[in-house]
Amino acid sequence: MKKIVLVFGLIAGLIVTTLMFFNIRAMYKNESAQGNIIVGYTTMVVAFSMIFVGIKNYRDKYNNGVISFGKAFKTGFYITLVASTLYVLVWLVEYKLFFPDFMDRYAACAMNDARSSGASQAELNEVAAEIARGKELYKNPLFVILMTYAEILPVGLIITLLSALLLKRKVKPMSPAV
């Protein structure tokens, strides 16, 4: 199982981290965060399709076509953990080296999005206060790590749950008679 977890976790992690870099660059150019959020989560779902593939591969190649829900979930969880950890580590490097002004840019994009949606001055003040709190919290590396995990881990867990439900198999399938 270790090999499956590492291989499919790293593939998922590479997909999501590569596209994260381009997604952040797009936010810097577009001055909007909304479209990038949709693209970002879609990327996570695509990357986490490796969970399904990894569980199926483990079930069919290493477990004689049989896997319990618990074993399937455990395999998917570990794949999620590997991919999510890679995502967090790469974000920390990107944030510190390439996008140190990320929170300022994100704040500008969020305010721009709020203005574009026709928010009142009171709502704009509320958004600005929320952004200020977030920027202050983002100065703490532990907070950055936790928030980055909170961004990606739930997506992987949902796909893990769905994959485990779809792929569980208690008995070996009958092979066709020759």
Foldseek 3Di string as FASTA:
>chain_A
DVVLLVVLLVQLLVQLQVVVVVLLVVLLVPLACVVSLVVNLVSLLVSLVSLLVSLCCCLVPPVLNADALVRSLVSLLSSLVSSLVSNLVSVVCCCVPPNVVSLVSVLSNQLVVCVVVPHDPVVSVVSNVVSVVVVVQVVDSVSSSVVSCVSRSVSSSVVSNVSSVVRHDHDRDDDDDD
